[in-house]
Protein backbone atom coordinates (compact mmCIF):
# COMPACT_ATOMS: atom_id res chain seq x y z
CA UNK A 1 1.51 80.47 60.29
CA UNK A 2 -1.99 79.56 61.42
CA UNK A 3 -2.68 79.68 65.15
CA UNK A 4 -5.19 77.19 66.56
CA UNK A 5 -6.96 77.65 69.86
CA UNK A 6 -7.20 74.29 71.60
CA UNK A 7 -9.14 73.20 74.67
CA UNK A 8 -8.47 70.20 76.84
CA UNK A 9 -11.47 68.31 75.53
CA UNK A 10 -13.32 66.34 78.18
CA UNK A 11 -10.47 66.41 80.69
CA UNK A 12 -11.95 68.58 83.44
CA UNK A 13 -9.75 71.21 85.04
CA UNK A 14 -6.85 70.95 82.61
CA UNK A 15 -5.37 73.68 80.42
CA UNK A 16 -3.48 73.06 77.21
CA UNK A 17 -0.26 74.80 76.20
CA UNK A 18 0.35 74.38 72.47
CA UNK A 19 3.60 74.94 70.56
CA UNK A 20 2.40 74.97 66.98
CA UNK A 21 4.38 74.53 64.88
CA UNK A 22 7.70 73.13 65.96
CA UNK A 23 9.98 74.18 63.11
CA UNK A 24 10.24 71.95 60.07
CA UNK A 25 10.20 68.21 60.61
CA UNK A 26 10.21 67.46 56.88
CA UNK A 27 6.69 68.80 57.36
CA UNK A 28 5.08 70.07 60.53
CA UNK A 29 5.02 69.08 64.17
CA UNK A 30 3.71 70.54 67.38
CA UNK A 31 3.96 70.03 71.11
CA UNK A 32 0.98 70.07 73.47
CA UNK A 33 1.26 70.25 77.25
CA UNK A 34 -1.70 69.76 79.61
CA UNK A 35 -1.54 71.58 82.96
CA UNK A 36 -3.78 71.04 85.97
CA UNK A 37 -5.21 73.79 88.18
CA UNK A 38 -1.90 73.99 90.09
CA UNK A 39 0.11 74.43 86.87
CA UNK A 40 1.51 70.93 87.29
CA UNK A 41 2.28 69.04 84.07
CA UNK A 42 -0.31 66.35 83.41
CA UNK A 43 0.64 65.30 79.87
CA UNK A 44 3.15 66.22 77.17
CA UNK A 45 3.01 65.04 73.55
CA UNK A 46 5.05 65.60 70.41
CA UNK A 47 2.70 65.41 67.43
CA UNK A 48 3.85 64.80 63.86
CA UNK A 49 0.95 66.19 61.87
CA UNK A 50 2.23 65.92 58.28
CA UNK A 51 1.31 62.80 56.34
CA UNK A 52 3.96 61.75 53.79
CA UNK A 53 2.61 58.51 52.33
CA UNK A 54 5.85 57.16 50.80
CA UNK A 55 5.06 53.60 51.81
CA UNK A 56 1.93 53.75 49.63
CA UNK A 57 2.83 55.76 46.57
CA UNK A 58 6.04 53.79 46.00
CA UNK A 59 3.85 50.76 45.32
CA UNK A 60 3.41 49.98 41.64
CA UNK A 61 6.67 51.64 40.65
CA UNK A 62 9.56 49.72 39.03
CA UNK A 63 11.97 48.67 41.76
CA UNK A 64 15.00 50.26 40.08
CA UNK A 65 13.42 53.70 40.57
CA UNK A 66 13.19 53.25 44.33
CA UNK A 67 16.72 54.29 45.48
CA UNK A 68 16.31 57.64 43.73
CA UNK A 69 12.67 58.15 44.71
CA UNK A 70 12.80 57.40 48.43
CA UNK A 71 15.66 59.79 49.12
CA UNK A 72 13.11 62.59 48.68
CA UNK A 73 11.97 61.65 52.16
CA UNK A 74 14.70 63.90 53.50
CA UNK A 75 16.71 66.87 52.31
CA UNK A 76 19.26 66.50 55.10
CA UNK A 77 20.22 62.83 54.73
CA UNK A 78 18.96 61.64 51.33
CA UNK A 79 22.07 59.47 50.99
CA UNK A 80 20.89 57.36 53.92
CA UNK A 81 17.61 56.46 52.22
CA UNK A 82 19.38 56.10 48.87
CA UNK A 83 21.74 53.48 50.33
CA UNK A 84 19.22 51.66 52.54
CA UNK A 85 16.95 51.16 49.54
CA UNK A 86 19.89 50.06 47.38
CA UNK A 87 20.96 47.52 50.02
CA UNK A 88 17.43 46.11 50.17
CA UNK A 89 17.22 45.82 46.39
CA UNK A 90 20.66 44.21 46.13
CA UNK A 91 18.85 41.06 47.28
CA UNK A 92 16.17 41.49 44.62
CA UNK A 93 18.78 41.54 41.82
CA UNK A 94 20.71 38.66 43.40
CA UNK A 95 23.76 40.65 44.48
CA UNK A 96 24.38 38.96 47.81
CA UNK A 97 27.86 40.50 47.83
CA UNK A 98 28.96 43.63 46.03
CA UNK A 99 32.25 44.03 44.24
CA UNK A 100 34.98 45.36 46.56
CA UNK A 101 35.04 48.64 44.65
CA UNK A 102 31.26 49.10 44.80
CA UNK A 103 31.15 48.51 48.54
CA UNK A 104 34.00 50.92 49.22
CA UNK A 105 32.41 53.62 47.08
CA UNK A 106 29.12 53.16 48.89
CA UNK A 107 30.89 53.32 52.24
CA UNK A 108 32.73 56.46 51.16
CA UNK A 109 29.40 58.00 50.14
CA UNK A 110 27.79 57.04 53.44
CA UNK A 111 30.61 58.25 55.67
CA UNK A 112 30.65 61.52 53.73
CA UNK A 113 26.95 61.77 54.53
CA UNK A 114 27.57 61.12 58.22
CA UNK A 115 30.27 63.81 58.29
CA UNK A 116 28.21 66.51 56.59
CA UNK A 117 25.01 65.78 58.52
CA UNK A 118 26.72 65.73 61.92
CA UNK A 119 28.53 68.97 61.08
CA UNK A 120 25.28 70.58 59.96
CA UNK A 121 23.46 69.54 63.09
CA UNK A 122 26.13 70.49 65.61
CA UNK A 123 27.45 73.75 64.15
CA UNK A 124 24.33 75.14 62.46
CA UNK A 125 21.49 73.90 64.68
CA UNK A 126 22.82 73.00 68.13
CA UNK A 127 25.82 75.27 68.71
CA UNK A 128 23.80 78.51 69.11
CA UNK A 129 22.05 77.01 72.15
CA UNK A 130 25.22 75.48 73.53
CA UNK A 131 27.41 78.56 73.04
CA UNK A 132 24.97 81.28 74.08
CA UNK A 133 22.58 79.46 76.44
CA UNK A 134 19.01 78.25 76.04
CA UNK A 135 17.59 81.53 77.41
CA UNK A 136 19.93 83.83 75.51
CA UNK A 137 18.82 86.66 73.24
CA UNK A 138 17.04 85.00 70.34
CA UNK A 139 18.33 87.66 67.92
CA UNK A 140 21.80 86.12 68.07
CA UNK A 141 20.87 82.53 68.91
CA UNK A 142 21.43 81.36 65.33
CA UNK A 143 24.29 80.51 62.97
CA UNK A 144 24.81 84.17 62.07
CA UNK A 145 25.20 84.94 65.76
CA UNK A 146 27.74 82.14 66.04
CA UNK A 147 29.64 83.52 63.04
CA UNK A 148 29.80 86.94 64.70
CA UNK A 149 30.86 85.77 68.16
CA UNK A 150 32.83 82.64 67.24
CA UNK A 151 33.95 83.13 63.62
CA UNK A 152 36.48 80.29 63.55
CA UNK A 153 33.97 77.81 64.95
CA UNK A 154 31.39 78.84 62.35
CA UNK A 155 33.95 78.72 59.53
CA UNK A 156 35.02 75.20 60.46
CA UNK A 157 31.40 74.08 60.66
CA UNK A 158 30.73 75.36 57.15
CA UNK A 159 33.88 73.77 55.71
CA UNK A 160 33.36 70.43 57.46
CA UNK A 161 29.91 70.19 55.96
CA UNK A 162 31.19 71.33 52.57
CA UNK A 163 33.82 68.58 52.57
CA UNK A 164 31.21 65.94 53.33
CA UNK A 165 29.09 67.24 50.49
CA UNK A 166 32.06 67.03 48.14
CA UNK A 167 32.49 63.37 49.09
CA UNK A 168 28.82 62.83 48.24
CA UNK A 169 29.15 64.71 44.94
CA UNK A 170 32.09 62.59 43.85
CA UNK A 171 30.44 59.27 44.75
CA UNK A 172 26.76 60.00 44.04
CA UNK A 173 27.02 62.52 41.21
CA UNK A 174 25.34 65.38 43.09
CA UNK A 175 25.56 66.87 46.57
CA UNK A 176 21.82 66.34 47.14
CA UNK A 177 19.64 63.61 45.63
CA UNK A 178 22.36 61.91 43.63
CA UNK A 179 21.99 58.71 41.65
CA UNK A 180 25.29 56.91 42.30
CA UNK A 181 23.97 53.84 44.12
CA UNK A 182 21.91 51.30 42.18
CA UNK A 183 20.62 47.80 42.97
CA UNK A 184 23.67 45.56 42.72
CA UNK A 185 26.34 48.24 43.12
CA UNK A 186 27.14 51.76 41.92
CA UNK A 187 27.06 53.48 38.55
CA UNK A 188 29.92 55.92 39.01
CA UNK A 189 33.62 55.21 39.51
CA UNK A 190 35.97 57.42 41.52
CA UNK A 191 38.82 58.83 39.44
CA UNK A 192 42.38 59.39 40.64
CA UNK A 193 41.86 63.12 40.27
CA UNK A 194 38.73 63.02 42.45
CA UNK A 195 40.50 60.96 45.09
CA UNK A 196 43.45 63.36 45.16
CA UNK A 197 41.05 66.30 45.45
CA UNK A 198 39.63 64.83 48.64
CA UNK A 199 43.01 63.73 49.98
CA UNK A 200 44.24 67.31 49.82
CA UNK A 201 41.87 68.30 52.64
CA UNK A 202 41.19 65.13 54.62
CA UNK A 203 43.95 65.56 57.21
CA UNK A 204 42.68 69.04 58.06
CA UNK A 205 39.15 67.63 58.29
CA UNK A 206 40.32 64.98 60.75
CA UNK A 207 42.03 67.65 62.84
CA UNK A 208 38.97 69.88 62.93
CA UNK A 209 36.82 66.90 63.89
CA UNK A 210 39.14 66.21 66.82
CA UNK A 211 38.79 69.84 67.88
CA UNK A 212 34.99 69.57 67.71
CA UNK A 213 35.09 66.67 70.17
CA UNK A 214 37.23 68.77 72.52
CA UNK A 215 34.76 71.63 72.20
CA UNK A 216 31.74 69.61 73.33
CA UNK A 217 33.76 67.90 76.08
CA UNK A 218 34.66 71.33 77.41
CA UNK A 219 30.99 72.34 77.45
CA UNK A 220 30.14 69.26 79.53
CA UNK A 221 33.00 70.05 81.93
CA UNK A 222 31.86 73.65 82.38
CA UNK A 223 28.25 72.80 83.24
CA UNK A 224 27.94 69.10 84.18
CA UNK A 225 24.76 69.63 86.21
CA UNK A 226 22.88 70.82 83.12
CA UNK A 227 24.39 68.46 80.59
CA UNK A 228 23.88 65.39 82.75
CA UNK A 229 20.31 66.10 83.88
CA UNK A 230 18.47 67.98 81.10
CA UNK A 231 15.59 65.88 79.74
CA UNK A 232 16.98 62.54 80.95
CA UNK A 233 14.87 59.55 79.90
CA UNK A 234 16.07 56.02 80.64
CA UNK A 235 15.38 53.33 78.05
CA UNK A 236 16.86 50.48 76.07
CA UNK A 237 19.06 51.27 73.08
CA UNK A 238 19.55 49.62 69.69
CA UNK A 239 21.96 49.86 66.76
CA UNK A 240 23.87 47.89 64.18
CA UNK A 241 27.25 46.50 65.19
CA UNK A 242 29.91 44.80 63.08
CA UNK A 243 30.96 41.16 63.32
CA UNK A 244 33.27 41.89 66.27
CA UNK A 245 30.82 44.25 67.95
CA UNK A 246 32.48 47.32 66.47
CA UNK A 247 30.73 50.49 65.33
CA UNK A 248 29.71 50.20 61.67
CA UNK A 249 27.44 52.71 59.98
CA UNK A 250 27.02 50.83 56.70
CA UNK A 251 26.44 47.18 57.62
CA UNK A 252 26.15 44.78 60.54
CA UNK A 253 23.66 43.02 62.76
CA UNK A 254 21.27 44.30 65.40
CA UNK A 255 22.21 44.63 69.05
CA UNK A 256 20.04 45.97 71.88
CA UNK A 257 20.87 46.79 75.48
CA UNK A 258 18.64 47.60 78.43
CA UNK A 259 18.83 50.89 80.31
CA UNK A 260 21.63 49.54 82.51
CA UNK A 261 23.72 48.33 79.56
CA UNK A 262 22.93 44.60 79.71
CA UNK A 263 22.58 42.86 76.34
CA UNK A 264 18.98 42.11 75.36
CA UNK A 265 19.79 40.55 71.99
CA UNK A 266 22.94 40.46 69.93
CA UNK A 267 24.03 39.83 66.34
CA UNK A 268 20.47 39.49 65.11
CA UNK A 269 20.25 39.31 61.31
CA UNK A 270 18.52 42.58 60.40
CA UNK A 271 16.39 40.72 57.88
CA UNK A 272 14.61 39.33 60.94
CA UNK A 273 13.84 42.81 62.31
CA UNK A 274 10.08 42.17 62.30
CA UNK A 275 10.49 39.40 64.89
CA UNK A 276 12.03 41.86 67.33
CA UNK A 277 10.47 45.25 66.52
CA UNK A 278 6.78 46.07 66.41
CA UNK A 279 5.06 49.40 65.90
CA UNK A 280 2.16 51.01 67.72
CA UNK A 281 -0.12 53.60 66.13
CA UNK A 282 -1.55 56.42 68.25
CA UNK A 283 -4.39 58.69 67.10
CA UNK A 284 -2.63 61.98 67.85
CA UNK A 285 0.44 61.52 65.59
CA UNK A 286 1.21 60.30 62.08
CA UNK A 287 4.52 58.93 63.39
CA UNK A 288 4.42 55.37 64.71
CA UNK A 289 5.82 54.23 68.06
CA UNK A 290 8.21 51.25 67.68
CA UNK A 291 8.95 48.96 70.60
CA UNK A 292 10.90 45.78 71.27
CA UNK A 293 8.36 42.99 70.93
CA UNK A 294 9.68 40.98 73.87
CA UNK A 295 9.01 43.83 76.30
CA UNK A 296 5.69 45.16 75.02
CA UNK A 297 4.39 48.63 74.22
CA UNK A 298 4.78 50.04 77.73
CA UNK A 299 8.36 49.00 78.47
CA UNK A 300 9.81 48.18 75.06
CA UNK A 301 10.54 51.64 73.67
CA UNK A 302 14.17 52.43 72.97
CA UNK A 303 16.62 55.00 71.62
CA UNK A 304 18.77 54.96 68.50
CA UNK A 305 21.35 57.31 67.03
CA UNK A 306 24.79 58.54 68.11
CA UNK A 307 24.27 58.17 71.87
CA UNK A 308 22.97 54.63 71.42
CA UNK A 309 25.66 53.62 68.91
CA UNK A 310 28.69 54.91 70.83
CA UNK A 311 27.54 53.11 73.98
CA UNK A 312 26.18 50.00 72.27
CA UNK A 313 29.34 49.03 70.38
CA UNK A 314 32.42 47.36 71.87
CA UNK A 315 34.88 49.53 69.96
CA UNK A 316 35.27 52.07 67.17
CA UNK A 317 37.59 50.82 64.39
CA UNK A 318 39.59 54.06 64.00
CA UNK A 319 42.15 55.03 66.63
CA UNK A 320 41.30 58.66 67.39
CA UNK A 321 37.56 58.05 67.69
CA UNK A 322 38.15 54.92 69.78
CA UNK A 323 40.24 56.90 72.26
CA UNK A 324 37.42 59.44 72.52
CA UNK A 325 34.82 56.68 72.96
CA UNK A 326 36.78 55.26 75.88
CA UNK A 327 36.98 58.67 77.51
CA UNK A 328 33.24 59.15 77.00
CA UNK A 329 32.47 55.79 78.65
CA UNK A 330 34.81 56.63 81.55
CA UNK A 331 33.13 60.02 81.99
CA UNK A 332 29.82 58.21 82.42
CA UNK A 333 31.32 55.88 85.03
CA UNK A 334 31.08 52.82 82.81
CA UNK A 335 27.28 52.90 82.88
CA UNK A 336 25.03 54.16 80.05
CA UNK A 337 24.11 57.82 80.11
CA UNK A 338 20.60 58.74 79.00
CA UNK A 339 21.08 62.50 78.97
CA UNK A 340 19.87 63.90 75.62
CA UNK A 341 22.57 66.58 75.58
CA UNK A 342 25.15 63.78 75.55
CA UNK A 343 23.95 63.04 72.00
CA UNK A 344 26.07 66.01 70.88
CA UNK A 345 29.24 64.56 72.42
CA UNK A 346 28.57 61.16 70.85
CA UNK A 347 27.76 62.85 67.55
CA UNK A 348 31.13 64.57 67.43
CA UNK A 349 32.91 61.28 68.22
CA UNK A 350 31.08 59.80 65.25
CA UNK A 351 32.03 62.74 63.04
CA UNK A 352 35.67 62.13 63.93
CA UNK A 353 35.24 58.44 63.11
CA UNK A 354 33.66 59.33 59.76
CA UNK A 355 36.59 61.61 58.90
CA UNK A 356 39.12 58.93 59.84
CA UNK A 357 37.25 56.30 57.81
CA UNK A 358 37.10 58.56 54.76
CA UNK A 359 40.87 59.01 55.02
CA UNK A 360 41.38 55.23 55.14
CA UNK A 361 39.02 54.58 52.21
CA UNK A 362 40.78 57.18 50.06
CA UNK A 363 44.02 55.25 50.54
CA UNK A 364 42.43 51.95 49.47
CA UNK A 365 43.54 50.83 46.01
CA UNK A 366 40.10 49.33 45.30
CA UNK A 367 38.43 52.74 45.56
CA UNK A 368 39.66 53.44 42.00
CA UNK A 369 38.41 50.16 40.55
CA UNK A 370 36.08 49.81 37.57
CA UNK A 371 34.15 46.64 38.51
CA UNK A 372 31.01 48.29 39.83
CA UNK A 373 27.94 46.04 39.49
CA UNK A 374 26.91 42.47 40.25
CA UNK A 375 23.68 40.53 39.77
CA UNK A 376 22.47 36.97 40.12
CA UNK A 377 19.30 35.00 40.79
CA UNK A 378 16.37 37.33 41.23
CA UNK A 379 14.33 37.42 44.43
CA UNK A 380 11.02 39.07 45.29
CA UNK A 381 11.88 40.54 48.66
CA UNK A 382 14.71 42.62 50.07
CA UNK A 383 15.55 44.29 53.38
CA UNK A 384 18.27 46.90 53.80
CA UNK A 385 19.41 48.45 57.09
CA UNK A 386 22.06 51.09 57.71
CA UNK A 387 22.89 53.52 60.48
CA UNK A 388 21.75 56.93 59.28
CA UNK A 389 23.02 60.06 61.08
CA UNK A 390 20.06 59.98 63.45
CA UNK A 391 19.94 56.20 63.95
CA UNK A 392 18.95 52.84 62.57
CA UNK A 393 17.14 53.02 59.21
CA UNK A 394 15.12 50.07 57.88
CA UNK A 395 13.89 49.67 54.29
CA UNK A 396 11.83 46.62 53.35
CA UNK A 397 10.40 45.91 49.88
CA UNK A 398 8.53 43.20 48.02
CA UNK A 399 8.59 43.06 44.21
CA UNK A 400 6.34 41.06 41.86
CA UNK A 401 7.23 39.15 38.70
CA UNK A 402 6.74 42.35 36.67
CA UNK A 403 9.46 44.02 38.76
CA UNK A 404 6.98 46.39 40.37
CA UNK A 405 7.01 47.18 44.09
CA UNK A 406 4.07 45.59 45.89
CA UNK A 407 5.00 46.41 49.49
CA UNK A 408 7.17 49.01 51.20
CA UNK A 409 7.82 49.31 54.92
CA UNK A 410 10.10 52.01 56.28
CA UNK A 411 11.13 52.50 59.89
CA UNK A 412 13.21 55.66 59.93
CA UNK A 413 15.49 56.88 62.68
CA UNK A 414 13.12 59.57 63.92
CA UNK A 415 10.40 56.96 64.34
CA UNK A 416 12.58 54.78 66.56
CA UNK A 417 13.21 57.81 68.78
CA UNK A 418 9.57 58.89 68.92
CA UNK A 419 8.80 57.84 72.49
CA UNK A 420 12.21 58.99 73.71
CA UNK A 421 11.57 62.48 72.36
CA UNK A 422 8.16 62.53 74.03
CA UNK A 423 9.70 61.47 77.32
CA UNK A 424 12.50 64.05 77.06
CA UNK A 425 10.17 66.99 76.44
CA UNK A 426 7.99 65.83 79.32
CA UNK A 427 10.98 65.92 81.64
CA UNK A 428 11.91 69.38 80.39
CA UNK A 429 8.34 70.65 80.78
CA UNK A 430 8.11 69.33 84.35
CA UNK A 431 11.41 70.98 85.25
CA UNK A 432 11.02 74.34 83.52
CA UNK A 433 7.29 75.01 82.96
CA UNK A 434 5.51 74.25 86.21
CA UNK A 435 4.35 77.40 87.98
CA UNK A 436 6.18 79.75 85.64
CA UNK A 437 5.14 82.41 83.18
CA UNK A 438 5.53 81.42 79.55
CA UNK A 439 8.60 82.86 77.85
CA UNK A 440 10.47 82.45 74.58
CA UNK A 441 13.28 80.85 76.55
CA UNK A 442 10.90 78.17 77.81
CA UNK A 443 9.75 77.49 74.28
CA UNK A 444 13.37 77.08 73.26
CA UNK A 445 14.11 74.66 76.12
CA UNK A 446 11.51 72.28 74.71
CA UNK A 447 12.96 72.65 71.23
CA UNK A 448 16.47 72.02 72.58
CA UNK A 449 15.31 68.65 73.92
CA UNK A 450 13.88 67.67 70.53
CA UNK A 451 16.92 69.00 68.73
CA UNK A 452 19.24 66.63 70.64
CA UNK A 453 17.69 63.66 68.85
CA UNK A 454 16.93 64.67 65.32
CA UNK A 455 17.92 67.54 63.02
CA UNK A 456 14.91 66.78 60.83
CA UNK A 457 12.77 68.19 63.64
CA UNK A 458 14.79 71.37 63.77
CA UNK A 459 16.22 72.02 60.34
CA UNK A 460 15.13 75.69 60.35
CA UNK A 461 14.97 76.39 64.06
CA UNK A 462 17.90 78.78 64.00
CA UNK A 463 17.13 80.38 60.64
CA UNK A 464 16.81 84.10 61.27
CA UNK A 465 13.21 85.25 61.17
CA UNK A 466 11.94 81.76 60.40
CA UNK A 467 10.73 80.49 63.77
CA UNK A 468 6.92 80.68 63.49
CA UNK A 469 6.16 79.20 66.91
CA UNK A 470 3.29 79.82 69.29
CA UNK A 471 2.70 79.03 72.94
CA UNK A 472 -0.89 79.31 74.19
CA UNK A 473 -2.39 78.83 77.65
CA UNK A 474 -6.10 78.01 77.52
CA UNK A 475 -8.43 77.46 80.46
CA UNK A 476 -10.79 74.50 80.80
CA UNK A 477 -13.63 76.48 79.12
CA UNK A 478 -11.51 77.16 76.06
CA UNK A 479 -10.71 80.81 76.85
CA UNK A 480 -7.29 82.13 75.92
CA UNK A 481 -5.54 83.20 79.12
CA UNK A 482 -2.03 83.97 77.90
CA UNK A 483 -0.13 83.57 74.64
CA UNK A 484 3.36 84.08 73.34
CA UNK A 485 3.98 84.04 69.58
CA UNK A 486 7.14 84.42 67.51
CA UNK A 487 6.19 85.96 64.16
CA UNK A 488 7.79 85.33 60.79
CA UNK A 489 10.08 88.34 61.28
CA UNK A 490 11.31 86.94 64.59
CA UNK A 491 9.41 89.49 66.75
CA UNK A 492 7.66 88.34 69.92
CA UNK A 493 4.01 89.20 70.58
CA UNK A 494 2.17 88.71 73.89
CA UNK A 495 -1.59 88.56 74.40
CA UNK A 496 -3.83 87.79 77.33
CA UNK A 497 -3.39 88.60 80.99
């Protein structure tokens, strides 16, 4: 890892603390914190410093390549991009409606993705912090530490994710970067043997998902002061909802609520997203800052993802998850909670819903059908929106008469949450940094806040020996005063006074 010494530029009397890099964000990210002479937090920013360029290099490619190509955006949820692109290009090939079998197979693929991604995030990435504490010994604050201290919890996490990956393999052809979804439908049927293979384990998966919800509820009950106050940032929320306002990961229309839960807009056709969502570009990050157009850049930012979805919908269409949703809403007193740590509770409710939905789909007769593809009158534009594990995912394409992509616009879940993550780490920095000596535990508190929103920003945070992070305190003249670094072998090194 390269360490960079940063000064506070022309801002007189301020010192910059830099966390560089925050573990993988499908690239690199860092956090900078400006402190005044009294060690009070003046500014906090999450920078995404890796440029991907997918929106440009996809141009000029044949549109039928897109669903396979764009899933390389992410190694954690490639299925989400695979399906969002396919949904957009369904319109290009004239498939306004898929065959019943194709839609059910796509839904099965997507809910398998939700299950495996939520399991990965909670058990592999978040549980070490939640089980051992944010300031606990870093040598055990990882999945191996969880396996040693809580072997059954770790085992279930591994097997829940494995089951989700098997669902993806059966529907997409491979566990990662499959090819099962194509414009107009799917190219792979589900056999009776494959269905029975999944049915053999699904009831156990549902049971374990219920237990995971109980686990995170218990954590909230044991330390409500922390869970309800850590990194709180009030904002509007947005997600897809179904025709009756129910939770639907695969399809629906856009609904947004303000910070108090009042509806801002409802059942908006997602093809009209550009009328409601605009994006701001800031010079210190390659990630854009979306906002609701009606409320402007300052007040229009919002949150997406599990916490938004569970509170934005009117119901969850599976009984066990719906009962848990109602309990969650009651716990919050009927008003929206904006506590980032509550994302984990909502995430486990969603994992339970995904498991229940997979069970229902496996019992559908149409899942074994052979009518897989439709097409019709061609169009030159398509927009596809789904709810990815981390939130609303928008894919928008234009195609010319030669069937080549001429325009691509992507608003991914992490982007929607950009300002919320910045606000959360600011709250954490104000609470835990001011007037205190820099420690590894402090560094981890800031990461915990980011990790609540998006596993892409933390996909290797708990990998043993793979946390190349640095925290530097620099005075206004650019002199290094104090530094804490975690090396590639996991050892801590201090320099300065």
